[in-house]
Amino acid sequence: MAQGAQEAAAIVQRQLELYNARDLEPFMQLFTDDVYVSDGITGAVIASSKEQLRPRYVERFRASPVNCELLGRLVCGNVVVDREIITGLPDGGVADCMATYVCDLTAGQISRITFVWKPRTEGVKL
């Protein structure tokens, strides 16, 4: 794996570990101030800054024992695509997810995320 790809994979792996630990502050430090997060199916903007993203994870980490299991990972340069199963969502929800991360290798942070997900339990809000 090329150097840039290794760095991107390491950033995203650290993000996954901190998500599973529900360790908010170090987790949030892995995002650029202008991180852009979107729904890959609808195109809806989930957040266009770290400030907008924070409440999503404050609630997620507080409300439930979330866990993200990595099923597979593709890395191409500074882009990482993870195939995941997320458990511990509100109301016992489980979701299949594909997350595409674009990393700013100079900053060592994630600058863009696109999520494509499908809840396995009806009514689960991701």
N, C-alpha and C. Protein backbone atom coordinates (compact mmCIF):
# COMPACT_ATOMS: atom_id res chain seq x y z
N MET A 1 0.86 -1.18 0.00
CA MET A 1 0.00 0.00 0.00
C MET A 1 0.90 1.24 0.00
N ALA A 2 0.61 2.19 -0.86
CA ALA A 2 1.39 3.42 -0.95
C ALA A 2 1.29 4.23 0.34
N GLN A 3 2.28 5.09 0.56
CA GLN A 3 2.35 5.88 1.80
C GLN A 3 1.06 6.65 2.07
N GLY A 4 0.53 7.39 1.10
CA GLY A 4 -0.70 8.16 1.31
C GLY A 4 -1.87 7.28 1.68
N ALA A 5 -1.96 6.12 1.04
CA ALA A 5 -3.04 5.18 1.35
C ALA A 5 -2.90 4.65 2.77
N GLN A 6 -1.68 4.37 3.20
CA GLN A 6 -1.45 3.90 4.57
C GLN A 6 -1.88 4.96 5.58
N GLU A 7 -1.54 6.20 5.30
CA GLU A 7 -1.92 7.30 6.21
C GLU A 7 -3.43 7.44 6.28
N ALA A 8 -4.10 7.39 5.13
CA ALA A 8 -5.56 7.51 5.11
C ALA A 8 -6.21 6.36 5.87
N ALA A 9 -5.73 5.15 5.64
CA ALA A 9 -6.27 3.99 6.34
C ALA A 9 -6.08 4.12 7.85
N ALA A 10 -4.94 4.63 8.27
CA ALA A 10 -4.67 4.81 9.70
C ALA A 10 -5.60 5.84 10.33
N ILE A 11 -5.88 6.93 9.61
CA ILE A 11 -6.79 7.97 10.12
C ILE A 11 -8.18 7.38 10.30
N VAL A 12 -8.67 6.67 9.30
CA VAL A 12 -10.02 6.10 9.36
C VAL A 12 -10.09 4.99 10.40
N GLN A 13 -9.04 4.19 10.54
CA GLN A 13 -9.03 3.15 11.57
C GLN A 13 -9.10 3.77 12.97
N ARG A 14 -8.36 4.84 13.18
CA ARG A 14 -8.40 5.53 14.48
C ARG A 14 -9.80 6.07 14.75
N GLN A 15 -10.44 6.62 13.72
CA GLN A 15 -11.80 7.13 13.84
C GLN A 15 -12.75 5.99 14.25
N LEU A 16 -12.60 4.83 13.65
CA LEU A 16 -13.43 3.67 13.98
C LEU A 16 -13.22 3.25 15.44
N GLU A 17 -11.98 3.20 15.86
CA GLU A 17 -11.67 2.81 17.24
C GLU A 17 -12.27 3.79 18.24
N LEU A 18 -12.15 5.09 17.96
CA LEU A 18 -12.69 6.10 18.88
C LEU A 18 -14.22 6.11 18.86
N TYR A 19 -14.83 5.82 17.72
CA TYR A 19 -16.29 5.69 17.63
C TYR A 19 -16.73 4.55 18.55
N ASN A 20 -16.08 3.41 18.45
CA ASN A 20 -16.46 2.26 19.28
C ASN A 20 -16.20 2.51 20.76
N ALA A 21 -15.20 3.31 21.07
CA ALA A 21 -14.91 3.67 22.47
C ALA A 21 -15.83 4.79 22.96
N ARG A 22 -16.56 5.41 22.02
CA ARG A 22 -17.44 6.56 22.31
C ARG A 22 -16.66 7.66 23.03
N ASP A 23 -15.45 7.91 22.53
CA ASP A 23 -14.54 8.90 23.11
C ASP A 23 -14.64 10.18 22.27
N LEU A 24 -15.58 11.04 22.62
CA LEU A 24 -16.00 12.15 21.78
C LEU A 24 -14.89 13.12 21.39
N GLU A 25 -14.14 13.62 22.34
CA GLU A 25 -13.17 14.68 22.01
C GLU A 25 -12.08 14.22 21.04
N PRO A 26 -11.39 13.12 21.32
CA PRO A 26 -10.40 12.66 20.33
C PRO A 26 -11.05 12.28 19.00
N PHE A 27 -12.27 11.74 19.05
CA PHE A 27 -13.00 11.40 17.83
C PHE A 27 -13.22 12.64 16.98
N MET A 28 -13.70 13.72 17.59
CA MET A 28 -13.99 14.95 16.85
C MET A 28 -12.72 15.60 16.30
N GLN A 29 -11.59 15.38 16.96
CA GLN A 29 -10.32 15.95 16.48
C GLN A 29 -9.88 15.35 15.14
N LEU A 30 -10.48 14.24 14.76
CA LEU A 30 -10.11 13.60 13.50
C LEU A 30 -10.83 14.19 12.29
N PHE A 31 -11.65 15.23 12.50
CA PHE A 31 -12.37 15.87 11.40
C PHE A 31 -11.87 17.29 11.18
N THR A 32 -11.78 17.70 9.91
CA THR A 32 -11.42 19.08 9.61
C THR A 32 -12.55 19.99 10.08
N ASP A 33 -12.25 21.26 10.30
CA ASP A 33 -13.29 22.21 10.74
C ASP A 33 -14.42 22.31 9.73
N ASP A 34 -14.10 22.14 8.44
CA ASP A 34 -15.11 22.26 7.39
C ASP A 34 -15.52 20.89 6.82
N VAL A 35 -15.47 19.86 7.66
CA VAL A 35 -15.85 18.52 7.21
C VAL A 35 -17.25 18.56 6.59
N TYR A 36 -17.40 17.82 5.51
CA TYR A 36 -18.68 17.78 4.79
C TYR A 36 -19.18 16.34 4.83
N VAL A 37 -20.37 16.14 5.39
CA VAL A 37 -20.93 14.80 5.56
C VAL A 37 -22.27 14.76 4.85
N SER A 38 -22.46 13.73 4.01
CA SER A 38 -23.70 13.64 3.25
C SER A 38 -24.23 12.22 3.17
N ASP A 39 -25.52 12.15 2.81
CA ASP A 39 -26.20 10.90 2.55
C ASP A 39 -25.96 10.56 1.08
N GLY A 40 -25.35 9.44 0.81
CA GLY A 40 -25.00 9.07 -0.55
C GLY A 40 -26.17 8.68 -1.43
N ILE A 41 -27.32 8.43 -0.84
CA ILE A 41 -28.50 8.08 -1.64
C ILE A 41 -29.32 9.31 -1.97
N THR A 42 -29.63 10.11 -0.96
CA THR A 42 -30.49 11.27 -1.17
C THR A 42 -29.70 12.52 -1.52
N GLY A 43 -28.41 12.53 -1.19
CA GLY A 43 -27.60 13.73 -1.39
C GLY A 43 -27.78 14.74 -0.28
N ALA A 44 -28.62 14.44 0.70
CA ALA A 44 -28.86 15.36 1.81
C ALA A 44 -27.57 15.64 2.56
N VAL A 45 -27.40 16.89 2.95
CA VAL A 45 -26.24 17.29 3.74
C VAL A 45 -26.54 16.98 5.20
N ILE A 46 -25.68 16.18 5.81
CA ILE A 46 -25.82 15.84 7.23
C ILE A 46 -25.12 16.90 8.07
N ALA A 47 -23.97 17.34 7.61
CA ALA A 47 -23.21 18.40 8.29
C ALA A 47 -22.24 19.02 7.30
N SER A 48 -21.99 20.32 7.47
CA SER A 48 -21.00 20.98 6.61
C SER A 48 -19.92 21.64 7.44
N SER A 49 -19.80 21.20 8.70
CA SER A 49 -18.73 21.67 9.57
C SER A 49 -18.62 20.73 10.76
N LYS A 50 -17.49 20.80 11.43
CA LYS A 50 -17.30 20.02 12.65
C LYS A 50 -18.32 20.44 13.70
N GLU A 51 -18.60 21.74 13.76
CA GLU A 51 -19.57 22.27 14.72
C GLU A 51 -20.96 21.66 14.49
N GLN A 52 -21.35 21.48 13.24
CA GLN A 52 -22.64 20.87 12.94
C GLN A 52 -22.63 19.36 13.18
N LEU A 53 -21.49 18.73 13.03
CA LEU A 53 -21.37 17.29 13.19
C LEU A 53 -21.39 16.86 14.66
N ARG A 54 -20.81 17.67 15.52
CA ARG A 54 -20.66 17.32 16.94
C ARG A 54 -21.96 16.85 17.61
N PRO A 55 -23.09 17.58 17.51
CA PRO A 55 -24.31 17.15 18.21
C PRO A 55 -24.78 15.75 17.81
N ARG A 56 -24.55 15.37 16.58
CA ARG A 56 -24.93 14.03 16.11
C ARG A 56 -24.22 12.96 16.95
N TYR A 57 -22.94 13.16 17.19
CA TYR A 57 -22.18 12.15 17.92
C TYR A 57 -22.32 12.30 19.43
N VAL A 58 -22.55 13.50 19.93
CA VAL A 58 -22.86 13.66 21.35
C VAL A 58 -24.07 12.80 21.68
N GLU A 59 -25.11 12.93 20.88
CA GLU A 59 -26.34 12.16 21.10
C GLU A 59 -26.11 10.67 20.87
N ARG A 60 -25.43 10.32 19.81
CA ARG A 60 -25.20 8.91 19.48
C ARG A 60 -24.43 8.21 20.59
N PHE A 61 -23.39 8.85 21.10
CA PHE A 61 -22.56 8.23 22.12
C PHE A 61 -23.26 8.17 23.47
N ARG A 62 -24.12 9.14 23.75
CA ARG A 62 -24.83 9.19 25.03
C ARG A 62 -26.01 8.23 25.05
N ALA A 63 -26.71 8.13 23.94
CA ALA A 63 -28.00 7.44 23.91
C ALA A 63 -27.90 5.92 23.86
N SER A 64 -26.83 5.40 23.32
CA SER A 64 -26.81 3.95 23.13
C SER A 64 -25.38 3.43 23.05
N PRO A 65 -25.23 2.13 23.30
CA PRO A 65 -23.90 1.51 23.23
C PRO A 65 -23.53 1.14 21.80
N VAL A 66 -23.37 2.14 20.94
CA VAL A 66 -23.11 1.88 19.52
C VAL A 66 -21.79 1.16 19.31
N ASN A 67 -21.77 0.35 18.27
CA ASN A 67 -20.55 -0.34 17.88
C ASN A 67 -20.55 -0.49 16.37
N CYS A 68 -19.41 -0.26 15.78
CA CYS A 68 -19.26 -0.39 14.34
C CYS A 68 -18.29 -1.53 14.07
N GLU A 69 -18.78 -2.55 13.37
CA GLU A 69 -17.94 -3.69 13.00
C GLU A 69 -17.51 -3.52 11.54
N LEU A 70 -16.23 -3.52 11.32
CA LEU A 70 -15.69 -3.38 9.97
C LEU A 70 -15.73 -4.73 9.26
N LEU A 71 -16.43 -4.76 8.12
CA LEU A 71 -16.53 -5.98 7.33
C LEU A 71 -15.53 -6.01 6.19
N GLY A 72 -15.12 -4.84 5.73
CA GLY A 72 -14.16 -4.77 4.64
C GLY A 72 -13.74 -3.33 4.40
N ARG A 73 -12.57 -3.17 3.80
CA ARG A 73 -12.04 -1.82 3.56
C ARG A 73 -11.29 -1.79 2.23
N LEU A 74 -11.57 -0.74 1.45
CA LEU A 74 -10.83 -0.46 0.22
C LEU A 74 -10.14 0.88 0.41
N VAL A 75 -8.91 0.99 -0.05
CA VAL A 75 -8.17 2.25 0.07
C VAL A 75 -7.55 2.58 -1.28
N CYS A 76 -7.76 3.80 -1.72
CA CYS A 76 -7.18 4.29 -2.97
C CYS A 76 -6.68 5.71 -2.71
N GLY A 77 -5.38 5.87 -2.54
CA GLY A 77 -4.84 7.18 -2.23
C GLY A 77 -5.37 7.68 -0.90
N ASN A 78 -5.99 8.86 -0.92
CA ASN A 78 -6.50 9.44 0.33
C ASN A 78 -7.98 9.13 0.55
N VAL A 79 -8.53 8.17 -0.20
CA VAL A 79 -9.94 7.79 -0.07
C VAL A 79 -10.03 6.38 0.52
N VAL A 80 -10.89 6.24 1.54
CA VAL A 80 -11.10 4.97 2.21
C VAL A 80 -12.59 4.66 2.16
N VAL A 81 -12.93 3.44 1.73
CA VAL A 81 -14.33 3.00 1.71
C VAL A 81 -14.45 1.82 2.66
N ASP A 82 -15.30 1.98 3.68
CA ASP A 82 -15.52 0.92 4.66
C ASP A 82 -16.91 0.32 4.50
N ARG A 83 -16.99 -0.99 4.63
CA ARG A 83 -18.26 -1.72 4.68
C ARG A 83 -18.43 -2.10 6.14
N GLU A 84 -19.56 -1.69 6.74
CA GLU A 84 -19.73 -1.79 8.19
C GLU A 84 -21.11 -2.32 8.56
N ILE A 85 -21.19 -2.87 9.76
CA ILE A 85 -22.47 -3.13 10.42
C ILE A 85 -22.43 -2.33 11.71
N ILE A 86 -23.45 -1.52 11.91
CA ILE A 86 -23.54 -0.70 13.12
C ILE A 86 -24.62 -1.29 14.01
N THR A 87 -24.26 -1.58 15.26
CA THR A 87 -25.21 -2.12 16.22
C THR A 87 -25.33 -1.15 17.40
N GLY A 88 -26.34 -1.37 18.23
CA GLY A 88 -26.53 -0.55 19.41
C GLY A 88 -27.15 0.79 19.13
N LEU A 89 -27.80 0.92 17.98
CA LEU A 89 -28.50 2.17 17.66
C LEU A 89 -29.75 2.28 18.53
N PRO A 90 -30.35 3.46 18.63
CA PRO A 90 -31.56 3.61 19.44
C PRO A 90 -32.60 2.54 19.11
N ASP A 91 -33.32 2.11 20.12
CA ASP A 91 -34.35 1.08 19.99
C ASP A 91 -33.79 -0.25 19.50
N GLY A 92 -32.52 -0.51 19.80
CA GLY A 92 -31.91 -1.78 19.43
C GLY A 92 -31.61 -1.91 17.96
N GLY A 93 -31.52 -0.80 17.27
CA GLY A 93 -31.34 -0.81 15.83
C GLY A 93 -29.99 -1.33 15.37
N VAL A 94 -30.03 -1.90 14.18
CA VAL A 94 -28.84 -2.39 13.49
C VAL A 94 -28.91 -1.85 12.07
N ALA A 95 -27.77 -1.46 11.52
CA ALA A 95 -27.76 -0.93 10.15
C ALA A 95 -26.56 -1.43 9.38
N ASP A 96 -26.79 -1.69 8.11
CA ASP A 96 -25.71 -1.95 7.17
C ASP A 96 -25.26 -0.59 6.64
N CYS A 97 -23.96 -0.39 6.52
CA CYS A 97 -23.46 0.93 6.12
C CYS A 97 -22.23 0.79 5.22
N MET A 98 -22.17 1.67 4.24
CA MET A 98 -20.96 1.85 3.45
C MET A 98 -20.57 3.31 3.64
N ALA A 99 -19.37 3.54 4.11
CA ALA A 99 -18.90 4.90 4.38
C ALA A 99 -17.68 5.18 3.53
N THR A 100 -17.72 6.30 2.81
CA THR A 100 -16.58 6.73 2.01
C THR A 100 -15.97 7.95 2.69
N TYR A 101 -14.71 7.85 3.06
CA TYR A 101 -13.99 8.90 3.76
C TYR A 101 -12.93 9.49 2.83
N VAL A 102 -12.88 10.80 2.75
CA VAL A 102 -11.80 11.49 2.04
C VAL A 102 -10.94 12.14 3.11
N CYS A 103 -9.65 11.83 3.10
CA CYS A 103 -8.76 12.33 4.14
C CYS A 103 -7.87 13.45 3.61
N ASP A 104 -7.69 14.46 4.45
CA ASP A 104 -6.72 15.53 4.20
C ASP A 104 -5.43 15.04 4.86
N LEU A 105 -4.53 14.51 4.05
CA LEU A 105 -3.33 13.89 4.60
C LEU A 105 -2.38 14.90 5.23
N THR A 106 -2.40 16.13 4.77
CA THR A 106 -1.57 17.17 5.37
C THR A 106 -2.01 17.44 6.80
N ALA A 107 -3.32 17.52 7.00
CA ALA A 107 -3.88 17.79 8.33
C ALA A 107 -3.99 16.52 9.18
N GLY A 108 -3.99 15.36 8.53
CA GLY A 108 -4.19 14.11 9.26
C GLY A 108 -5.62 13.96 9.75
N GLN A 109 -6.57 14.48 8.96
CA GLN A 109 -7.97 14.48 9.37
C GLN A 109 -8.87 14.05 8.21
N ILE A 110 -10.11 13.77 8.54
CA ILE A 110 -11.14 13.42 7.56
C ILE A 110 -11.82 14.71 7.13
N SER A 111 -11.91 14.93 5.82
CA SER A 111 -12.52 16.17 5.32
C SER A 111 -13.89 15.96 4.68
N ARG A 112 -14.20 14.72 4.34
CA ARG A 112 -15.48 14.46 3.69
C ARG A 112 -15.90 13.02 3.98
N ILE A 113 -17.21 12.83 4.24
CA ILE A 113 -17.76 11.49 4.45
C ILE A 113 -19.07 11.40 3.68
N THR A 114 -19.24 10.29 2.98
CA THR A 114 -20.52 9.99 2.35
C THR A 114 -20.98 8.65 2.91
N PHE A 115 -22.19 8.65 3.50
CA PHE A 115 -22.76 7.43 4.06
C PHE A 115 -23.85 6.89 3.14
N VAL A 116 -23.85 5.59 2.95
CA VAL A 116 -24.97 4.89 2.33
C VAL A 116 -25.34 3.81 3.34
N TRP A 117 -26.58 3.85 3.85
CA TRP A 117 -26.96 2.89 4.88
C TRP A 117 -28.38 2.40 4.70
N LYS A 118 -28.62 1.27 5.34
CA LYS A 118 -29.95 0.68 5.33
C LYS A 118 -30.19 0.07 6.70
N PRO A 119 -31.15 0.62 7.43
CA PRO A 119 -31.47 0.04 8.73
C PRO A 119 -32.01 -1.38 8.59
N ARG A 120 -31.60 -2.25 9.47
CA ARG A 120 -32.16 -3.60 9.52
C ARG A 120 -33.41 -3.61 10.38
N THR A 121 -33.61 -2.55 11.15
CA THR A 121 -34.78 -2.42 12.01
C THR A 121 -35.53 -1.18 11.57
N GLU A 122 -36.79 -1.33 11.23
CA GLU A 122 -37.59 -0.18 10.79
C GLU A 122 -37.64 0.89 11.87
N GLY A 123 -37.65 2.12 11.45
CA GLY A 123 -37.80 3.24 12.37
C GLY A 123 -36.51 3.72 13.00
N VAL A 124 -35.39 3.09 12.69
CA VAL A 124 -34.11 3.50 13.26
C VAL A 124 -33.63 4.75 12.54
N LYS A 125 -33.26 5.76 13.29
CA LYS A 125 -32.70 6.98 12.70
C LYS A 125 -31.19 6.92 12.83
N LEU A 126 -30.54 7.03 11.69
CA LEU A 126 -29.07 6.98 11.71
C LEU A 126 -28.49 8.33 11.86
